[in-house]
């Protein structure tokens, strides 16, 4: 795969009002984790969409998006250079992962214009170890297949699907994913191994 997109230094500014709003959401103990993620998602989505569009326009043809760089940029814009408890940070990353997914879905659907793609797209879906190249119709079609497979995995093993979303869409490491989910690193590794095998078999067999 091509080198990950570089985040521009000048894009790391954020506004105090947005920072205050997002921190309030993260630390609001009166709401459940799911409610906090849902409240944070529109803010994260807007920032990730803007960052991703900037990268798509600025970078050379053939690059791949970097989930880690884009999510980090969104984090700085919304929360700022501050430390927050890992439980609250986990809420942010869950929202960021879903926001990244929506950004990519929006782009992929527009890119392939309703085309499903053949064996090339299915092969691309299996090989997408990083975010899809936004300039590639094949990878965009493959991403749509992969996303559908991840959604189906959620019905089989919800925790494994959560691990995939955090690692793939938010770019978290094994240890960061474990902290976000409140589980051990070995548990994340097992879920990750299971998910990768399940997704590969589901895609190659044509079940998605």
C-alpha atoms as a PDB file:
ATOM      1  CA  UNK A   1       0.000   0.000   0.000  1.00  0.00           C
ATOM      2  CA  UNK A   2       1.098   3.587  -0.523  1.00  0.00           C
ATOM      3  CA  UNK A   3       2.425   5.692   2.328  1.00  0.00           C
ATOM      4  CA  UNK A   4      -0.139   7.130   4.752  1.00  0.00           C
ATOM      5  CA  UNK A   5      -1.343  10.645   4.206  1.00  0.00           C
ATOM      6  CA  UNK A   6       0.488  13.340   6.129  1.00  0.00           C
ATOM      7  CA  UNK A   7      -1.451  15.663   8.394  1.00  0.00           C
ATOM      8  CA  UNK A   8      -0.747  19.303   7.730  1.00  0.00           C
ATOM      9  CA  UNK A   9       0.689  21.167  10.716  1.00  0.00           C
ATOM     10  CA  UNK A  10      -1.544  24.178  10.139  1.00  0.00           C
ATOM     11  CA  UNK A  11      -4.693  22.083  10.516  1.00  0.00           C
ATOM     12  CA  UNK A  12      -4.316  21.541  14.258  1.00  0.00           C
ATOM     13  CA  UNK A  13      -6.197  24.642  15.415  1.00  0.00           C
ATOM     14  CA  UNK A  14      -9.412  24.295  17.387  1.00  0.00           C
ATOM     15  CA  UNK A  15     -11.955  26.623  18.933  1.00  0.00           C
ATOM     16  CA  UNK A  16     -12.518  27.086  22.637  1.00  0.00           C
ATOM     17  CA  UNK A  17     -16.302  26.774  22.348  1.00  0.00           C
ATOM     18  CA  UNK A  18     -16.123  23.435  20.560  1.00  0.00           C
ATOM     19  CA  UNK A  19     -13.490  22.199  23.022  1.00  0.00           C
ATOM     20  CA  UNK A  20     -15.695  23.113  25.985  1.00  0.00           C
ATOM     21  CA  UNK A  21     -18.742  21.422  24.452  1.00  0.00           C
ATOM     22  CA  UNK A  22     -16.930  18.178  23.665  1.00  0.00           C
ATOM     23  CA  UNK A  23     -15.238  17.950  27.084  1.00  0.00           C
ATOM     24  CA  UNK A  24     -18.614  18.506  28.761  1.00  0.00           C
ATOM     25  CA  UNK A  25     -20.059  15.626  26.732  1.00  0.00           C
ATOM     26  CA  UNK A  26     -17.128  13.331  27.550  1.00  0.00           C
ATOM     27  CA  UNK A  27     -17.254  13.962  31.277  1.00  0.00           C
ATOM     28  CA  UNK A  28     -21.041  14.016  31.709  1.00  0.00           C
ATOM     29  CA  UNK A  29     -21.621  11.221  34.213  1.00  0.00           C
ATOM     30  CA  UNK A  30     -25.377  11.728  33.935  1.00  0.00           C
ATOM     31  CA  UNK A  31     -25.390   9.986  30.561  1.00  0.00           C
ATOM     32  CA  UNK A  32     -24.432   6.470  29.549  1.00  0.00           C
ATOM     33  CA  UNK A  33     -21.384   5.769  27.401  1.00  0.00           C
ATOM     34  CA  UNK A  34     -23.635   5.160  24.394  1.00  0.00           C
ATOM     35  CA  UNK A  35     -25.445   8.475  24.941  1.00  0.00           C
ATOM     36  CA  UNK A  36     -22.143  10.345  25.231  1.00  0.00           C
ATOM     37  CA  UNK A  37     -20.841   8.790  22.029  1.00  0.00           C
ATOM     38  CA  UNK A  38     -24.062   9.655  20.227  1.00  0.00           C
ATOM     39  CA  UNK A  39     -23.866  13.272  21.421  1.00  0.00           C
ATOM     40  CA  UNK A  40     -20.198  13.577  20.431  1.00  0.00           C
ATOM     41  CA  UNK A  41     -20.570  11.955  17.015  1.00  0.00           C
ATOM     42  CA  UNK A  42     -21.836  15.008  15.055  1.00  0.00           C
ATOM     43  CA  UNK A  43     -18.863  17.062  16.247  1.00  0.00           C
ATOM     44  CA  UNK A  44     -16.359  14.335  15.421  1.00  0.00           C
ATOM     45  CA  UNK A  45     -17.996  13.613  12.069  1.00  0.00           C
ATOM     46  CA  UNK A  46     -17.779  17.243  10.987  1.00  0.00           C
ATOM     47  CA  UNK A  47     -14.091  17.487  11.913  1.00  0.00           C
ATOM     48  CA  UNK A  48     -13.113  14.162  10.349  1.00  0.00           C
ATOM     49  CA  UNK A  49     -15.002  14.942   7.168  1.00  0.00           C
ATOM     50  CA  UNK A  50     -13.236  18.287   6.827  1.00  0.00           C
ATOM     51  CA  UNK A  51      -9.834  16.763   7.587  1.00  0.00           C
ATOM     52  CA  UNK A  52     -10.359  13.847   5.200  1.00  0.00           C
ATOM     53  CA  UNK A  53     -11.525  16.097   2.371  1.00  0.00           C
ATOM     54  CA  UNK A  54      -8.475  18.297   2.879  1.00  0.00           C
ATOM     55  CA  UNK A  55      -6.167  15.302   2.656  1.00  0.00           C
ATOM     56  CA  UNK A  56      -7.946  13.930  -0.416  1.00  0.00           C
ATOM     57  CA  UNK A  57      -7.485  17.234  -2.237  1.00  0.00           C
ATOM     58  CA  UNK A  58      -3.922  17.948  -1.105  1.00  0.00           C
ATOM     59  CA  UNK A  59      -2.209  14.566  -1.401  1.00  0.00           C
ATOM     60  CA  UNK A  60      -0.886  12.887  -4.505  1.00  0.00           C
ATOM     61  CA  UNK A  61      -2.881  10.273  -6.384  1.00  0.00           C
ATOM     62  CA  UNK A  62      -2.386   6.776  -4.985  1.00  0.00           C
ATOM     63  CA  UNK A  63      -2.061   7.682  -1.303  1.00  0.00           C
ATOM     64  CA  UNK A  64      -3.979   5.986   1.494  1.00  0.00           C
ATOM     65  CA  UNK A  65      -5.721   7.804   4.303  1.00  0.00           C
ATOM     66  CA  UNK A  66      -4.241   7.496   7.772  1.00  0.00           C
ATOM     67  CA  UNK A  67      -6.876   6.853  10.427  1.00  0.00           C
ATOM     68  CA  UNK A  68      -4.382   7.621  13.193  1.00  0.00           C
ATOM     69  CA  UNK A  69      -3.428  11.032  11.791  1.00  0.00           C
ATOM     70  CA  UNK A  70      -6.988  12.124  11.022  1.00  0.00           C
ATOM     71  CA  UNK A  71      -8.457  10.943  14.329  1.00  0.00           C
ATOM     72  CA  UNK A  72      -5.591  12.586  16.227  1.00  0.00           C
ATOM     73  CA  UNK A  73      -6.300  15.826  14.370  1.00  0.00           C
ATOM     74  CA  UNK A  74      -9.989  15.622  15.264  1.00  0.00           C
ATOM     75  CA  UNK A  75      -9.074  14.906  18.893  1.00  0.00           C
ATOM     76  CA  UNK A  76      -6.885  18.008  19.093  1.00  0.00           C
ATOM     77  CA  UNK A  77      -9.537  20.171  17.491  1.00  0.00           C
ATOM     78  CA  UNK A  78     -12.309  18.971  19.782  1.00  0.00           C
ATOM     79  CA  UNK A  79     -10.589  18.221  23.093  1.00  0.00           C
ATOM     80  CA  UNK A  80      -7.293  20.069  22.772  1.00  0.00           C
ATOM     81  CA  UNK A  81      -3.878  19.096  24.167  1.00  0.00           C
ATOM     82  CA  UNK A  82      -5.305  17.875  27.462  1.00  0.00           C
ATOM     83  CA  UNK A  83      -5.411  14.571  29.285  1.00  0.00           C
ATOM     84  CA  UNK A  84      -8.837  13.027  29.837  1.00  0.00           C
ATOM     85  CA  UNK A  85      -9.624   9.764  31.669  1.00  0.00           C
ATOM     86  CA  UNK A  86      -9.306   6.709  29.422  1.00  0.00           C
ATOM     87  CA  UNK A  87     -12.962   5.862  29.924  1.00  0.00           C
ATOM     88  CA  UNK A  88     -13.917   9.242  28.473  1.00  0.00           C
ATOM     89  CA  UNK A  89     -11.244   9.027  25.805  1.00  0.00           C
ATOM     90  CA  UNK A  90     -12.732   5.683  24.862  1.00  0.00           C
ATOM     91  CA  UNK A  91     -16.051   7.425  24.206  1.00  0.00           C
ATOM     92  CA  UNK A  92     -14.274   9.847  21.896  1.00  0.00           C
ATOM     93  CA  UNK A  93     -12.567   7.064  19.944  1.00  0.00           C
ATOM     94  CA  UNK A  94     -15.817   5.120  19.601  1.00  0.00           C
ATOM     95  CA  UNK A  95     -17.433   8.249  18.154  1.00  0.00           C
ATOM     96  CA  UNK A  96     -14.391   8.891  15.965  1.00  0.00           C
ATOM     97  CA  UNK A  97     -14.420   5.333  14.611  1.00  0.00           C
ATOM     98  CA  UNK A  98     -18.084   5.623  13.625  1.00  0.00           C
ATOM     99  CA  UNK A  99     -17.523   9.089  12.186  1.00  0.00           C
ATOM    100  CA  UNK A 100     -14.577   7.839  10.115  1.00  0.00           C
ATOM    101  CA  UNK A 101     -16.759   4.975   8.883  1.00  0.00           C
ATOM    102  CA  UNK A 102     -19.470   7.427   7.793  1.00  0.00           C
ATOM    103  CA  UNK A 103     -16.949   9.659   6.031  1.00  0.00           C
ATOM    104  CA  UNK A 104     -15.564   6.693   4.091  1.00  0.00           C
ATOM    105  CA  UNK A 105     -19.032   5.346   3.297  1.00  0.00           C
ATOM    106  CA  UNK A 106     -20.115   8.729   1.952  1.00  0.00           C
ATOM    107  CA  UNK A 107     -17.058   8.900  -0.287  1.00  0.00           C
ATOM    108  CA  UNK A 108     -17.118   5.251  -1.397  1.00  0.00           C
ATOM    109  CA  UNK A 109     -20.803   5.352  -2.347  1.00  0.00           C
ATOM    110  CA  UNK A 110     -20.267   8.497  -4.387  1.00  0.00           C
ATOM    111  CA  UNK A 111     -17.112   7.041  -5.969  1.00  0.00           C
ATOM    112  CA  UNK A 112     -18.657   3.797  -7.218  1.00  0.00           C
ATOM    113  CA  UNK A 113     -22.083   5.343  -8.004  1.00  0.00           C
ATOM    114  CA  UNK A 114     -24.055   2.247  -7.087  1.00  0.00           C
ATOM    115  CA  UNK A 115     -21.712  -0.264  -8.721  1.00  0.00           C
ATOM    116  CA  UNK A 116     -21.224  -3.387  -6.639  1.00  0.00           C
ATOM    117  CA  UNK A 117     -17.926  -4.496  -8.142  1.00  0.00           C
ATOM    118  CA  UNK A 118     -16.813  -8.006  -9.067  1.00  0.00           C
ATOM    119  CA  UNK A 119     -13.998 -10.257  -7.938  1.00  0.00           C
ATOM    120  CA  UNK A 120     -11.580  -7.332  -7.991  1.00  0.00           C
ATOM    121  CA  UNK A 121     -13.633  -5.512  -5.373  1.00  0.00           C
ATOM    122  CA  UNK A 122     -13.936  -8.656  -3.245  1.00  0.00           C
ATOM    123  CA  UNK A 123     -10.177  -9.193  -3.437  1.00  0.00           C
ATOM    124  CA  UNK A 124      -9.628  -5.547  -2.470  1.00  0.00           C
ATOM    125  CA  UNK A 125     -11.968  -5.991   0.509  1.00  0.00           C
ATOM    126  CA  UNK A 126      -9.834  -8.845   1.850  1.00  0.00           C
ATOM    127  CA  UNK A 127      -6.611  -6.901   1.293  1.00  0.00           C
ATOM    128  CA  UNK A 128      -7.739  -3.605   2.874  1.00  0.00           C
ATOM    129  CA  UNK A 129      -5.446  -3.638   5.903  1.00  0.00           C
ATOM    130  CA  UNK A 130      -5.540   0.168   5.914  1.00  0.00           C
ATOM    131  CA  UNK A 131      -8.166   2.710   4.903  1.00  0.00           C
ATOM    132  CA  UNK A 132      -9.067   2.650   1.200  1.00  0.00           C
ATOM    133  CA  UNK A 133      -7.398   4.873  -1.376  1.00  0.00           C
ATOM    134  CA  UNK A 134     -10.130   7.466  -2.071  1.00  0.00           C
ATOM    135  CA  UNK A 135      -8.968   7.703  -5.679  1.00  0.00           C
ATOM    136  CA  UNK A 136      -9.466   3.982  -6.357  1.00  0.00           C
ATOM    137  CA  UNK A 137     -12.873   2.783  -7.533  1.00  0.00           C
ATOM    138  CA  UNK A 138     -11.871  -0.823  -6.829  1.00  0.00           C
ATOM    139  CA  UNK A 139     -10.819  -0.093  -3.251  1.00  0.00           C
ATOM    140  CA  UNK A 140     -13.938   2.019  -2.691  1.00  0.00           C
ATOM    141  CA  UNK A 141     -16.113  -0.881  -3.873  1.00  0.00           C
ATOM    142  CA  UNK A 142     -14.056  -3.238  -1.731  1.00  0.00           C
ATOM    143  CA  UNK A 143     -14.543  -0.999   1.284  1.00  0.00           C
ATOM    144  CA  UNK A 144     -18.328  -1.201   0.911  1.00  0.00           C
ATOM    145  CA  UNK A 145     -18.087  -4.997   0.955  1.00  0.00           C
ATOM    146  CA  UNK A 146     -15.776  -4.918   3.984  1.00  0.00           C
ATOM    147  CA  UNK A 147     -18.074  -2.561   5.879  1.00  0.00           C
ATOM    148  CA  UNK A 148     -21.035  -4.844   5.253  1.00  0.00           C
ATOM    149  CA  UNK A 149     -19.000  -7.790   6.518  1.00  0.00           C
ATOM    150  CA  UNK A 150     -18.071  -5.898   9.702  1.00  0.00           C
ATOM    151  CA  UNK A 151     -21.742  -5.078  10.278  1.00  0.00           C
ATOM    152  CA  UNK A 152     -22.586  -8.780   9.960  1.00  0.00           C
ATOM    153  CA  UNK A 153     -19.732  -9.684  12.316  1.00  0.00           C
ATOM    154  CA  UNK A 154     -21.394  -7.492  14.940  1.00  0.00           C
ATOM    155  CA  UNK A 155     -24.308  -9.932  15.000  1.00  0.00           C
ATOM    156  CA  UNK A 156     -21.914 -12.824  15.628  1.00  0.00           C
ATOM    157  CA  UNK A 157     -19.458 -11.259  18.077  1.00  0.00           C
ATOM    158  CA  UNK A 158     -20.192  -7.700  19.171  1.00  0.00           C
ATOM    159  CA  UNK A 159     -16.862  -7.278  21.002  1.00  0.00           C
ATOM    160  CA  UNK A 160     -14.850  -8.493  17.996  1.00  0.00           C
ATOM    161  CA  UNK A 161     -16.684  -5.985  15.785  1.00  0.00           C
ATOM    162  CA  UNK A 162     -15.934  -3.202  18.291  1.00  0.00           C
ATOM    163  CA  UNK A 163     -12.253  -4.150  18.200  1.00  0.00           C
ATOM    164  CA  UNK A 164     -12.238  -4.018  14.394  1.00  0.00           C
ATOM    165  CA  UNK A 165     -13.941  -0.619  14.331  1.00  0.00           C
ATOM    166  CA  UNK A 166     -11.503   0.919  16.824  1.00  0.00           C
ATOM    167  CA  UNK A 167      -8.411  -0.574  15.199  1.00  0.00           C
ATOM    168  CA  UNK A 168      -9.397  -0.057  11.566  1.00  0.00           C
ATOM    169  CA  UNK A 169     -11.429   3.159  11.619  1.00  0.00           C
ATOM    170  CA  UNK A 170      -9.736   4.977  14.524  1.00  0.00           C
ATOM    171  CA  UNK A 171      -6.240   3.542  14.071  1.00  0.00           C
ATOM    172  CA  UNK A 172      -5.837   2.420  17.697  1.00  0.00           C
ATOM    173  CA  UNK A 173      -3.114   0.023  18.802  1.00  0.00           C
ATOM    174  CA  UNK A 174      -3.914  -3.185  20.682  1.00  0.00           C
ATOM    175  CA  UNK A 175      -3.185  -1.514  24.036  1.00  0.00           C
ATOM    176  CA  UNK A 176      -5.227   1.591  23.181  1.00  0.00           C
ATOM    177  CA  UNK A 177      -8.144  -0.558  22.039  1.00  0.00           C
ATOM    178  CA  UNK A 178      -7.975  -2.534  25.285  1.00  0.00           C
ATOM    179  CA  UNK A 179      -8.047   0.698  27.307  1.00  0.00           C
ATOM    180  CA  UNK A 180     -10.959   2.074  25.270  1.00  0.00           C
ATOM    181  CA  UNK A 181     -13.022  -1.101  25.735  1.00  0.00           C
ATOM    182  CA  UNK A 182     -11.959  -1.779  29.325  1.00  0.00           C
ATOM    183  CA  UNK A 183     -10.580  -5.241  28.525  1.00  0.00           C
ATOM    184  CA  UNK A 184      -7.124  -6.829  28.505  1.00  0.00           C
ATOM    185  CA  UNK A 185      -4.677  -6.678  25.604  1.00  0.00           C
ATOM    186  CA  UNK A 186      -4.757 -10.504  25.197  1.00  0.00           C
ATOM    187  CA  UNK A 187      -8.550 -10.296  24.879  1.00  0.00           C
ATOM    188  CA  UNK A 188      -8.190  -7.692  22.124  1.00  0.00           C
ATOM    189  CA  UNK A 189      -5.613  -9.855  20.339  1.00  0.00           C
ATOM    190  CA  UNK A 190      -7.940 -12.870  20.424  1.00  0.00           C
ATOM    191  CA  UNK A 191     -10.897 -10.843  19.184  1.00  0.00           C
ATOM    192  CA  UNK A 192      -8.754  -9.279  16.445  1.00  0.00           C
ATOM    193  CA  UNK A 193      -7.491 -12.678  15.259  1.00  0.00           C
ATOM    194  CA  UNK A 194     -11.018 -14.121  15.245  1.00  0.00           C
ATOM    195  CA  UNK A 195     -12.448 -11.095  13.443  1.00  0.00           C
ATOM    196  CA  UNK A 196      -9.815 -11.128  10.716  1.00  0.00           C
ATOM    197  CA  UNK A 197     -10.391 -14.818  10.034  1.00  0.00           C
ATOM    198  CA  UNK A 198     -14.176 -14.460  10.096  1.00  0.00           C
ATOM    199  CA  UNK A 199     -14.181 -11.437   7.789  1.00  0.00           C
ATOM    200  CA  UNK A 200     -11.821 -13.076   5.290  1.00  0.00           C
ATOM    201  CA  UNK A 201     -13.953 -16.225   5.109  1.00  0.00           C
ATOM    202  CA  UNK A 202     -17.210 -14.277   4.864  1.00  0.00           C
ATOM    203  CA  UNK A 203     -15.940 -12.083   2.038  1.00  0.00           C
ATOM    204  CA  UNK A 204     -14.227 -14.838   0.053  1.00  0.00           C
ATOM    205  CA  UNK A 205     -17.211 -17.172   0.361  1.00  0.00           C
ATOM    206  CA  UNK A 206     -19.552 -14.509  -0.978  1.00  0.00           C
ATOM    207  CA  UNK A 207     -21.692 -14.386   2.177  1.00  0.00           C
ATOM    208  CA  UNK A 208     -21.508 -10.578   1.972  1.00  0.00           C
END
